[in-house]
Amino acid sequence: GPLQVWMREAFGLEGRLLPEVRSVWGAI
């Protein structure tokens, strides 16, 4: 998604930066 793509490009990070949206907590 655009948020994680922007965070990786802006701060030079790699991998998943936010918790998985498709989860029980995301549904909550």
PDB file of all heavy atoms in Angstrom:
ATOM      1  N   GLY A   1       0.813  -1.212   0.000  1.00  0.00           N
ATOM      2  CA  GLY A   1       0.000   0.000   0.000  1.00  0.00           C
ATOM      3  C   GLY A   1       0.846   1.261   0.000  1.00  0.00           C
ATOM      4  O   GLY A   1       2.054   1.237   0.281  1.00  0.00           O
ATOM      5  N   PRO A   2       0.252   2.396  -0.285  1.00  0.00           N
ATOM      6  CA  PRO A   2       1.005   3.645  -0.411  1.00  0.00           C
ATOM      7  C   PRO A   2       1.710   4.078   0.870  1.00  0.00           C
ATOM      8  O   PRO A   2       2.789   4.659   0.809  1.00  0.00           O
ATOM      9  CB  PRO A   2      -0.054   4.661  -0.836  1.00  0.00           C
ATOM     10  CG  PRO A   2      -1.355   4.058  -0.448  1.00  0.00           C
ATOM     11  CD  PRO A   2      -1.178   2.580  -0.559  1.00  0.00           C
ATOM     12  N   LEU A   3       1.124   3.786   2.042  1.00  0.00           N
ATOM     13  CA  LEU A   3       1.753   4.235   3.286  1.00  0.00           C
ATOM     14  C   LEU A   3       3.063   3.508   3.545  1.00  0.00           C
ATOM     15  O   LEU A   3       4.102   4.143   3.824  1.00  0.00           O
ATOM     16  CB  LEU A   3       0.791   4.035   4.461  1.00  0.00           C
ATOM     17  CG  LEU A   3       1.322   4.503   5.823  1.00  0.00           C
ATOM     18  CD1 LEU A   3       1.684   5.974   5.791  1.00  0.00           C
ATOM     19  CD2 LEU A   3       0.311   4.221   6.928  1.00  0.00           C
ATOM     20  N   GLN A   4       3.062   2.186   3.447  1.00  0.00           N
ATOM     21  CA  GLN A   4       4.294   1.443   3.705  1.00  0.00           C
ATOM     22  C   GLN A   4       5.326   1.661   2.598  1.00  0.00           C
ATOM     23  O   GLN A   4       6.535   1.693   2.877  1.00  0.00           O
ATOM     24  CB  GLN A   4       3.998  -0.058   3.864  1.00  0.00           C
ATOM     25  CG  GLN A   4       3.190  -0.399   5.101  1.00  0.00           C
ATOM     26  CD  GLN A   4       3.366  -1.847   5.523  1.00  0.00           C
ATOM     27  OE1 GLN A   4       4.493  -2.333   5.660  1.00  0.00           O
ATOM     28  NE2 GLN A   4       2.249  -2.547   5.719  1.00  0.00           N
ATOM     29  N   VAL A   5       4.879   1.821   1.363  1.00  0.00           N
ATOM     30  CA  VAL A   5       5.826   2.126   0.278  1.00  0.00           C
ATOM     31  C   VAL A   5       6.503   3.464   0.542  1.00  0.00           C
ATOM     32  O   VAL A   5       7.734   3.608   0.400  1.00  0.00           O
ATOM     33  CB  VAL A   5       5.092   2.137  -1.078  1.00  0.00           C
ATOM     34  CG1 VAL A   5       6.002   2.698  -2.173  1.00  0.00           C
ATOM     35  CG2 VAL A   5       4.625   0.730  -1.441  1.00  0.00           C
ATOM     36  N   TRP A   6       5.746   4.467   0.948  1.00  0.00           N
ATOM     37  CA  TRP A   6       6.324   5.783   1.248  1.00  0.00           C
ATOM     38  C   TRP A   6       7.283   5.710   2.424  1.00  0.00           C
ATOM     39  O   TRP A   6       8.367   6.319   2.399  1.00  0.00           O
ATOM     40  CB  TRP A   6       5.205   6.772   1.551  1.00  0.00           C
ATOM     41  CG  TRP A   6       5.727   8.106   2.010  1.00  0.00           C
ATOM     42  CD1 TRP A   6       6.178   9.125   1.243  1.00  0.00           C
ATOM     43  CD2 TRP A   6       5.857   8.531   3.380  1.00  0.00           C
ATOM     44  NE1 TRP A   6       6.585  10.176   2.032  1.00  0.00           N
ATOM     45  CE2 TRP A   6       6.400   9.841   3.341  1.00  0.00           C
ATOM     46  CE3 TRP A   6       5.565   7.951   4.614  1.00  0.00           C
ATOM     47  CZ2 TRP A   6       6.660  10.568   4.505  1.00  0.00           C
ATOM     48  CZ3 TRP A   6       5.814   8.657   5.767  1.00  0.00           C
ATOM     49  CH2 TRP A   6       6.360   9.950   5.711  1.00  0.00           C
ATOM     50  N   MET A   7       6.942   4.955   3.460  1.00  0.00           N
ATOM     51  CA  MET A   7       7.818   4.840   4.630  1.00  0.00           C
ATOM     52  C   MET A   7       9.132   4.158   4.275  1.00  0.00           C
ATOM     53  O   MET A   7      10.203   4.576   4.746  1.00  0.00           O
ATOM     54  CB  MET A   7       7.097   4.059   5.743  1.00  0.00           C
ATOM     55  CG  MET A   7       5.900   4.796   6.339  1.00  0.00           C
ATOM     56  SD  MET A   7       4.945   3.789   7.512  1.00  0.00           S
ATOM     57  CE  MET A   7       6.145   3.558   8.819  1.00  0.00           C
ATOM     58  N   ARG A   8       9.072   3.129   3.433  1.00  0.00           N
ATOM     59  CA  ARG A   8      10.320   2.454   3.041  1.00  0.00           C
ATOM     60  C   ARG A   8      11.194   3.370   2.196  1.00  0.00           C
ATOM     61  O   ARG A   8      12.423   3.411   2.375  1.00  0.00           O
ATOM     62  CB  ARG A   8       9.986   1.161   2.281  1.00  0.00           C
ATOM     63  CG  ARG A   8       9.490   0.036   3.162  1.00  0.00           C
ATOM     64  CD  ARG A   8       9.476  -1.288   2.416  1.00  0.00           C
ATOM     65  NE  ARG A   8       8.448  -1.307   1.389  1.00  0.00           N
ATOM     66  CZ  ARG A   8       7.216  -1.765   1.569  1.00  0.00           C
ATOM     67  NH1 ARG A   8       6.860  -2.240   2.754  1.00  0.00           N
ATOM     68  NH2 ARG A   8       6.337  -1.759   0.592  1.00  0.00           N
ATOM     69  N   GLU A   9      10.563   4.116   1.288  1.00  0.00           N
ATOM     70  CA  GLU A   9      11.352   5.011   0.434  1.00  0.00           C
ATOM     71  C   GLU A   9      11.883   6.216   1.214  1.00  0.00           C
ATOM     72  O   GLU A   9      13.014   6.653   0.994  1.00  0.00           O
ATOM     73  CB  GLU A   9      10.490   5.484  -0.733  1.00  0.00           C
ATOM     74  CG  GLU A   9      10.125   4.380  -1.718  1.00  0.00           C
ATOM     75  CD  GLU A   9       9.206   4.883  -2.813  1.00  0.00           C
ATOM     76  OE1 GLU A   9       8.743   6.045  -2.704  1.00  0.00           O
ATOM     77  OE2 GLU A   9       8.937   4.115  -3.762  1.00  0.00           O
ATOM     78  N   ALA A  10      11.104   6.744   2.126  1.00  0.00           N
ATOM     79  CA  ALA A  10      11.503   7.954   2.840  1.00  0.00           C
ATOM     80  C   ALA A  10      12.573   7.686   3.892  1.00  0.00           C
ATOM     81  O   ALA A  10      13.472   8.524   4.098  1.00  0.00           O
ATOM     82  CB  ALA A  10      10.284   8.597   3.492  1.00  0.00           C
ATOM     83  N   PHE A  11      12.517   6.534   4.543  1.00  0.00           N
ATOM     84  CA  PHE A  11      13.435   6.275   5.648  1.00  0.00           C
ATOM     85  C   PHE A  11      14.418   5.152   5.352  1.00  0.00           C
ATOM     86  O   PHE A  11      15.183   4.753   6.238  1.00  0.00           O
ATOM     87  CB  PHE A  11      12.635   5.935   6.914  1.00  0.00           C
ATOM     88  CG  PHE A  11      11.679   7.018   7.333  1.00  0.00           C
ATOM     89  CD1 PHE A  11      10.320   6.882   7.096  1.00  0.00           C
ATOM     90  CD2 PHE A  11      12.134   8.172   7.938  1.00  0.00           C
ATOM     91  CE1 PHE A  11       9.432   7.870   7.480  1.00  0.00           C
ATOM     92  CE2 PHE A  11      11.243   9.177   8.332  1.00  0.00           C
ATOM     93  CZ  PHE A  11       9.901   9.030   8.095  1.00  0.00           C
ATOM     94  N   GLY A  12      14.414   4.634   4.125  1.00  0.00           N
ATOM     95  CA  GLY A  12      15.364   3.590   3.763  1.00  0.00           C
ATOM     96  C   GLY A  12      15.160   2.296   4.516  1.00  0.00           C
ATOM     97  O   GLY A  12      16.133   1.582   4.788  1.00  0.00           O
ATOM     98  N   LEU A  13      13.933   1.963   4.830  1.00  0.00           N
ATOM     99  CA  LEU A  13      13.631   0.751   5.592  1.00  0.00           C
ATOM    100  C   LEU A  13      13.268  -0.394   4.647  1.00  0.00           C
ATOM    101  O   LEU A  13      13.034  -0.187   3.453  1.00  0.00           O
ATOM    102  CB  LEU A  13      12.479   1.017   6.560  1.00  0.00           C
ATOM    103  CG  LEU A  13      12.711   2.161   7.559  1.00  0.00           C
ATOM    104  CD1 LEU A  13      11.455   2.418   8.376  1.00  0.00           C
ATOM    105  CD2 LEU A  13      13.876   1.840   8.488  1.00  0.00           C
ATOM    106  N   GLU A  14      13.227  -1.606   5.196  1.00  0.00           N
ATOM    107  CA  GLU A  14      12.868  -2.780   4.406  1.00  0.00           C
ATOM    108  C   GLU A  14      11.865  -3.626   5.172  1.00  0.00           C
ATOM    109  O   GLU A  14      11.782  -3.553   6.395  1.00  0.00           O
ATOM    110  CB  GLU A  14      14.122  -3.618   4.081  1.00  0.00           C
ATOM    111  CG  GLU A  14      15.132  -2.916   3.205  1.00  0.00           C
ATOM    112  CD  GLU A  14      16.322  -3.806   2.879  1.00  0.00           C
ATOM    113  OE1 GLU A  14      16.346  -4.946   3.394  1.00  0.00           O
ATOM    114  OE2 GLU A  14      17.207  -3.360   2.119  1.00  0.00           O
ATOM    115  N   GLY A  15      11.163  -4.450   4.409  1.00  0.00           N
ATOM    116  CA  GLY A  15      10.226  -5.386   5.013  1.00  0.00           C
ATOM    117  C   GLY A  15       8.927  -4.733   5.443  1.00  0.00           C
ATOM    118  O   GLY A  15       8.631  -3.579   5.131  1.00  0.00           O
ATOM    119  N   ARG A  16       8.140  -5.492   6.218  1.00  0.00           N
ATOM    120  CA  ARG A  16       6.850  -5.000   6.696  1.00  0.00           C
ATOM    121  C   ARG A  16       7.072  -4.031   7.843  1.00  0.00           C
ATOM    122  O   ARG A  16       7.791  -4.325   8.800  1.00  0.00           O
ATOM    123  CB  ARG A  16       5.981  -6.170   7.155  1.00  0.00           C
ATOM    124  CG  ARG A  16       4.615  -5.757   7.696  1.00  0.00           C
ATOM    125  CD  ARG A  16       3.796  -6.964   8.129  1.00  0.00           C
ATOM    126  NE  ARG A  16       3.518  -7.817   6.992  1.00  0.00           N
ATOM    127  CZ  ARG A  16       2.545  -7.608   6.123  1.00  0.00           C
ATOM    128  NH1 ARG A  16       1.744  -6.559   6.266  1.00  0.00           N
ATOM    129  NH2 ARG A  16       2.355  -8.447   5.131  1.00  0.00           N
ATOM    130  N   LEU A  17       6.430  -2.872   7.761  1.00  0.00           N
ATOM    131  CA  LEU A  17       6.611  -1.839   8.769  1.00  0.00           C
ATOM    132  C   LEU A  17       5.392  -1.661   9.665  1.00  0.00           C
ATOM    133  O   LEU A  17       5.496  -1.036  10.716  1.00  0.00           O
ATOM    134  CB  LEU A  17       6.923  -0.499   8.084  1.00  0.00           C
ATOM    135  CG  LEU A  17       8.132  -0.501   7.140  1.00  0.00           C
ATOM    136  CD1 LEU A  17       8.291   0.856   6.485  1.00  0.00           C
ATOM    137  CD2 LEU A  17       9.395  -0.891   7.882  1.00  0.00           C
ATOM    138  N   LEU A  18       4.245  -2.176   9.252  1.00  0.00           N
ATOM    139  CA  LEU A  18       3.011  -2.062  10.035  1.00  0.00           C
ATOM    140  C   LEU A  18       2.425  -3.447  10.270  1.00  0.00           C
ATOM    141  O   LEU A  18       2.690  -4.377   9.498  1.00  0.00           O
ATOM    142  CB  LEU A  18       1.989  -1.183   9.299  1.00  0.00           C
ATOM    143  CG  LEU A  18       2.377   0.279   9.057  1.00  0.00           C
ATOM    144  CD1 LEU A  18       1.309   0.974   8.218  1.00  0.00           C
ATOM    145  CD2 LEU A  18       2.568   1.013  10.374  1.00  0.00           C
ATOM    146  N   PRO A  19       1.654  -3.622  11.320  1.00  0.00           N
ATOM    147  CA  PRO A  19       1.016  -4.929  11.548  1.00  0.00           C
ATOM    148  C   PRO A  19       0.102  -5.309  10.390  1.00  0.00           C
ATOM    149  O   PRO A  19      -0.399  -4.455   9.657  1.00  0.00           O
ATOM    150  CB  PRO A  19       0.219  -4.708  12.843  1.00  0.00           C
ATOM    151  CG  PRO A  19       0.843  -3.522  13.495  1.00  0.00           C
ATOM    152  CD  PRO A  19       1.369  -2.652  12.386  1.00  0.00           C
ATOM    153  N   GLU A  20      -0.112  -6.596  10.231  1.00  0.00           N
ATOM    154  CA  GLU A  20      -0.978  -7.105   9.175  1.00  0.00           C
ATOM    155  C   GLU A  20      -2.411  -6.615   9.392  1.00  0.00           C
ATOM    156  O   GLU A  20      -2.990  -6.791  10.475  1.00  0.00           O
ATOM    157  CB  GLU A  20      -0.955  -8.628   9.158  1.00  0.00           C
ATOM    158  CG  GLU A  20      -1.917  -9.254   8.170  1.00  0.00           C
ATOM    159  CD  GLU A  20      -1.652  -8.815   6.736  1.00  0.00           C
ATOM    160  OE1 GLU A  20      -0.490  -8.895   6.296  1.00  0.00           O
ATOM    161  OE2 GLU A  20      -2.614  -8.371   6.072  1.00  0.00           O
ATOM    162  N   VAL A  21      -2.971  -5.972   8.361  1.00  0.00           N
ATOM    163  CA  VAL A  21      -4.335  -5.461   8.479  1.00  0.00           C
ATOM    164  C   VAL A  21      -5.342  -6.595   8.530  1.00  0.00           C
ATOM    165  O   VAL A  21      -6.299  -6.563   9.318  1.00  0.00           O
ATOM    166  CB  VAL A  21      -4.651  -4.515   7.300  1.00  0.00           C
ATOM    167  CG1 VAL A  21      -6.061  -3.958   7.414  1.00  0.00           C
ATOM    168  CG2 VAL A  21      -3.636  -3.397   7.236  1.00  0.00           C
ATOM    169  N   ARG A  22      -5.131  -7.614   7.725  1.00  0.00           N
ATOM    170  CA  ARG A  22      -6.081  -8.727   7.651  1.00  0.00           C
ATOM    171  C   ARG A  22      -5.842  -9.680   8.823  1.00  0.00           C
ATOM    172  O   ARG A  22      -5.201 -10.727   8.686  1.00  0.00           O
ATOM    173  CB  ARG A  22      -5.939  -9.459   6.325  1.00  0.00           C
ATOM    174  CG  ARG A  22      -6.248  -8.582   5.122  1.00  0.00           C
ATOM    175  CD  ARG A  22      -6.180  -9.377   3.844  1.00  0.00           C
ATOM    176  NE  ARG A  22      -6.284  -8.546   2.670  1.00  0.00           N
ATOM    177  CZ  ARG A  22      -6.277  -9.002   1.427  1.00  0.00           C
ATOM    178  NH1 ARG A  22      -6.165 -10.296   1.213  1.00  0.00           N
ATOM    179  NH2 ARG A  22      -6.382  -8.184   0.412  1.00  0.00           N
ATOM    180  N   SER A  23      -6.370  -9.317   9.947  1.00  0.00           N
ATOM    181  CA  SER A  23      -6.213 -10.084  11.176  1.00  0.00           C
ATOM    182  C   SER A  23      -7.424  -9.818  12.052  1.00  0.00           C
ATOM    183  O   SER A  23      -8.295  -8.998  11.733  1.00  0.00           O
ATOM    184  CB  SER A  23      -4.930  -9.668  11.905  1.00  0.00           C
ATOM    185  OG  SER A  23      -4.994  -8.300  12.273  1.00  0.00           O
ATOM    186  N   VAL A  24      -7.472 -10.532  13.181  1.00  0.00           N
ATOM    187  CA  VAL A  24      -8.577 -10.314  14.120  1.00  0.00           C
ATOM    188  C   VAL A  24      -8.568  -8.886  14.634  1.00  0.00           C
ATOM    189  O   VAL A  24      -9.620  -8.235  14.743  1.00  0.00           O
ATOM    190  CB  VAL A  24      -8.484 -11.318  15.286  1.00  0.00           C
ATOM    191  CG1 VAL A  24      -9.537 -11.000  16.346  1.00  0.00           C
ATOM    192  CG2 VAL A  24      -8.659 -12.743  14.784  1.00  0.00           C
ATOM    193  N   TRP A  25      -7.369  -8.349  14.919  1.00  0.00           N
ATOM    194  CA  TRP A  25      -7.293  -6.991  15.444  1.00  0.00           C
ATOM    195  C   TRP A  25      -7.645  -5.968  14.374  1.00  0.00           C
ATOM    196  O   TRP A  25      -8.227  -4.920  14.684  1.00  0.00           O
ATOM    197  CB  TRP A  25      -5.905  -6.731  16.020  1.00  0.00           C
ATOM    198  CG  TRP A  25      -5.595  -7.680  17.128  1.00  0.00           C
ATOM    199  CD1 TRP A  25      -4.702  -8.707  17.110  1.00  0.00           C
ATOM    200  CD2 TRP A  25      -6.232  -7.732  18.410  1.00  0.00           C
ATOM    201  NE1 TRP A  25      -4.721  -9.396  18.300  1.00  0.00           N
ATOM    202  CE2 TRP A  25      -5.660  -8.815  19.119  1.00  0.00           C
ATOM    203  CE3 TRP A  25      -7.226  -6.976  19.027  1.00  0.00           C
ATOM    204  CZ2 TRP A  25      -6.050  -9.156  20.412  1.00  0.00           C
ATOM    205  CZ3 TRP A  25      -7.617  -7.310  20.317  1.00  0.00           C
ATOM    206  CH2 TRP A  25      -7.028  -8.379  20.996  1.00  0.00           C
ATOM    207  N   GLY A  26      -7.319  -6.254  13.136  1.00  0.00           N
ATOM    208  CA  GLY A  26      -7.758  -5.374  12.065  1.00  0.00           C
ATOM    209  C   GLY A  26      -9.262  -5.365  11.928  1.00  0.00           C
ATOM    210  O   GLY A  26      -9.886  -4.305  11.723  1.00  0.00           O
ATOM    211  N   ALA A  27      -9.889  -6.542  12.065  1.00  0.00           N
ATOM    212  CA  ALA A  27     -11.350  -6.616  12.004  1.00  0.00           C
ATOM    213  C   ALA A  27     -11.983  -5.893  13.182  1.00  0.00           C
ATOM    214  O   ALA A  27     -13.025  -5.228  13.035  1.00  0.00           O
ATOM    215  CB  ALA A  27     -11.792  -8.078  11.978  1.00  0.00           C
ATOM    216  N   ILE A  28     -11.381  -6.007  14.361  1.00  0.00           N
ATOM    217  CA  ILE A  28     -11.898  -5.301  15.535  1.00  0.00           C
ATOM    218  C   ILE A  28     -11.883  -3.795  15.284  1.00  0.00           C
ATOM    219  O   ILE A  28     -12.852  -3.082  15.590  1.00  0.00           O
ATOM    220  CB  ILE A  28     -11.060  -5.670  16.780  1.00  0.00           C
ATOM    221  CG1 ILE A  28     -11.322  -7.120  17.172  1.00  0.00           C
ATOM    222  CG2 ILE A  28     -11.377  -4.728  17.943  1.00  0.00           C
ATOM    223  CD1 ILE A  28     -10.390  -7.643  18.241  1.00  0.00           C
TER     224      ILE A  28
END
